Amino acid sequence: MYFCSSKISIRDFKMPANKNSIPRTRKMKRSHSISFMLNDKEMDALERYIKKYKVKCKSKFVREALMITVIKKLEEDSPTLFD
């Protein structure tokens, strides 16, 4: 899943291993760490969701959910042509 609404360059793609495969995007190194606390009900809800929908990577799920919310809000708040 891609979150960045900025322009993508041809250099952002690696050549596929064979001609029938899809090119992969270059991965950005994650060098910043964030931690946060959840109360018991929030943790129970998160664990139920992860179990019900068989989420394999909890950190990826939380990171994507967070970034979707952040980017959606930033796009809503950005100025438009008629503002």
C-alpha atoms as a PDB file:
ATOM      1  CA  MET A   1       0.000   0.000   0.000  1.00  0.00           C
ATOM      2  CA  TYR A   2       1.364   3.385  -0.961  1.00  0.00           C
ATOM      3  CA  PHE A   3       0.689   6.497   1.076  1.00  0.00           C
ATOM      4  CA  CYS A   4       2.707   9.271  -0.476  1.00  0.00           C
ATOM      5  CA  SER A   5       0.854  11.560  -2.831  1.00  0.00           C
ATOM      6  CA  SER A   6       4.071  13.048  -4.194  1.00  0.00           C
ATOM      7  CA  LYS A   7       5.255  12.367  -7.722  1.00  0.00           C
ATOM      8  CA  ILE A   8       6.935   9.040  -8.394  1.00  0.00           C
ATOM      9  CA  SER A   9      10.087   8.954 -10.462  1.00  0.00           C
ATOM     10  CA  ILE A  10      11.200   6.160 -12.754  1.00  0.00           C
ATOM     11  CA  ARG A  11      14.220   5.809 -10.444  1.00  0.00           C
ATOM     12  CA  ASP A  12      11.868   4.703  -7.656  1.00  0.00           C
ATOM     13  CA  PHE A  13      11.410   1.336  -9.384  1.00  0.00           C
ATOM     14  CA  LYS A  14      13.810  -1.588  -9.536  1.00  0.00           C
ATOM     15  CA  MET A  15      13.940  -3.796 -12.585  1.00  0.00           C
ATOM     16  CA  PRO A  16      11.934  -7.012 -12.206  1.00  0.00           C
ATOM     17  CA  ALA A  17      13.707 -10.348 -11.822  1.00  0.00           C
ATOM     18  CA  ASN A  18      12.085 -11.575 -15.030  1.00  0.00           C
ATOM     19  CA  LYS A  19      10.030  -9.909 -17.725  1.00  0.00           C
ATOM     20  CA  ASN A  20       6.689 -11.197 -16.371  1.00  0.00           C
ATOM     21  CA  SER A  21       7.036  -9.850 -12.845  1.00  0.00           C
ATOM     22  CA  ILE A  22       5.939  -6.440 -11.559  1.00  0.00           C
ATOM     23  CA  PRO A  23       8.645  -3.837 -10.762  1.00  0.00           C
ATOM     24  CA  ARG A  24       9.199  -3.214  -7.036  1.00  0.00           C
ATOM     25  CA  THR A  25       9.429   0.234  -5.492  1.00  0.00           C
ATOM     26  CA  ARG A  26      12.564   1.256  -3.652  1.00  0.00           C
ATOM     27  CA  LYS A  27      12.148   0.849   0.101  1.00  0.00           C
ATOM     28  CA  MET A  28      12.759   3.810   2.350  1.00  0.00           C
ATOM     29  CA  LYS A  29      14.810   3.065   5.460  1.00  0.00           C
ATOM     30  CA  ARG A  30      12.901   3.578   8.691  1.00  0.00           C
ATOM     31  CA  SER A  31      15.184   5.268  11.193  1.00  0.00           C
ATOM     32  CA  HIS A  32      12.691   6.861  13.609  1.00  0.00           C
ATOM     33  CA  SER A  33      10.948   5.033  16.409  1.00  0.00           C
ATOM     34  CA  ILE A  34       7.633   5.952  18.014  1.00  0.00           C
ATOM     35  CA  SER A  35       6.016   4.212  20.962  1.00  0.00           C
ATOM     36  CA  PHE A  36       2.638   4.805  22.553  1.00  0.00           C
ATOM     37  CA  MET A  37       0.501   3.323  25.276  1.00  0.00           C
ATOM     38  CA  LEU A  38      -2.967   1.758  24.998  1.00  0.00           C
ATOM     39  CA  ASN A  39      -5.470   1.176  27.762  1.00  0.00           C
ATOM     40  CA  ASP A  40      -6.914  -2.308  28.348  1.00  0.00           C
ATOM     41  CA  LYS A  41     -10.000  -1.806  26.164  1.00  0.00           C
ATOM     42  CA  GLU A  42      -7.980  -0.376  23.267  1.00  0.00           C
ATOM     43  CA  MET A  43      -5.512  -3.265  23.452  1.00  0.00           C
ATOM     44  CA  ASP A  44      -8.320  -5.832  23.580  1.00  0.00           C
ATOM     45  CA  ALA A  45      -9.958  -4.251  20.529  1.00  0.00           C
ATOM     46  CA  LEU A  46      -6.660  -4.228  18.632  1.00  0.00           C
ATOM     47  CA  GLU A  47      -5.930  -7.859  19.510  1.00  0.00           C
ATOM     48  CA  ARG A  48      -9.476  -8.928  18.503  1.00  0.00           C
ATOM     49  CA  TYR A  49      -9.105  -7.151  15.155  1.00  0.00           C
ATOM     50  CA  ILE A  50      -5.690  -8.709  14.514  1.00  0.00           C
ATOM     51  CA  LYS A  51      -7.005 -12.182  15.328  1.00  0.00           C
ATOM     52  CA  LYS A  52     -10.268 -11.800  13.371  1.00  0.00           C
ATOM     53  CA  TYR A  53      -8.646 -10.447  10.191  1.00  0.00           C
ATOM     54  CA  LYS A  54      -5.452 -12.538  10.531  1.00  0.00           C
ATOM     55  CA  VAL A  55      -3.075  -9.571  10.484  1.00  0.00           C
ATOM     56  CA  LYS A  56       0.424 -11.012  10.092  1.00  0.00           C
ATOM     57  CA  CYS A  57       2.481  -7.956  11.005  1.00  0.00           C
ATOM     58  CA  LYS A  58       1.088  -5.810  13.816  1.00  0.00           C
ATOM     59  CA  SER A  59       3.624  -2.999  13.387  1.00  0.00           C
ATOM     60  CA  LYS A  60       2.901  -2.722   9.642  1.00  0.00           C
ATOM     61  CA  PHE A  61      -0.841  -2.654  10.336  1.00  0.00           C
ATOM     62  CA  VAL A  62      -0.559   0.094  12.961  1.00  0.00           C
ATOM     63  CA  ARG A  63       1.886   2.111  10.828  1.00  0.00           C
ATOM     64  CA  GLU A  64      -0.395   1.942   7.762  1.00  0.00           C
ATOM     65  CA  ALA A  65      -3.514   2.833   9.776  1.00  0.00           C
ATOM     66  CA  LEU A  66      -1.724   5.803  11.306  1.00  0.00           C
ATOM     67  CA  MET A  67      -0.314   7.063   8.006  1.00  0.00           C
ATOM     68  CA  ILE A  68      -3.650   6.693   6.201  1.00  0.00           C
ATOM     69  CA  THR A  69      -5.255   8.912   8.853  1.00  0.00           C
ATOM     70  CA  VAL A  70      -2.435  11.473   8.764  1.00  0.00           C
ATOM     71  CA  ILE A  71      -2.307  11.756   4.972  1.00  0.00           C
ATOM     72  CA  LYS A  72      -6.106  11.893   4.626  1.00  0.00           C
ATOM     73  CA  LYS A  73      -6.255  14.783   7.111  1.00  0.00           C
ATOM     74  CA  LEU A  74      -3.379  16.632   5.427  1.00  0.00           C
ATOM     75  CA  GLU A  75      -5.099  16.287   2.046  1.00  0.00           C
ATOM     76  CA  GLU A  76      -8.382  17.580   3.499  1.00  0.00           C
ATOM     77  CA  ASP A  77      -6.606  20.590   5.011  1.00  0.00           C
ATOM     78  CA  SER A  78      -4.557  21.458   1.938  1.00  0.00           C
ATOM     79  CA  PRO A  79      -5.624  24.590   0.069  1.00  0.00           C
ATOM     80  CA  THR A  80      -7.604  24.147  -3.123  1.00  0.00           C
ATOM     81  CA  LEU A  81      -7.856  26.318  -6.183  1.00  0.00           C
ATOM     82  CA  PHE A  82     -11.121  27.930  -5.024  1.00  0.00           C
ATOM     83  CA  ASP A  83     -10.255  28.606  -1.349  1.00  0.00           C
END
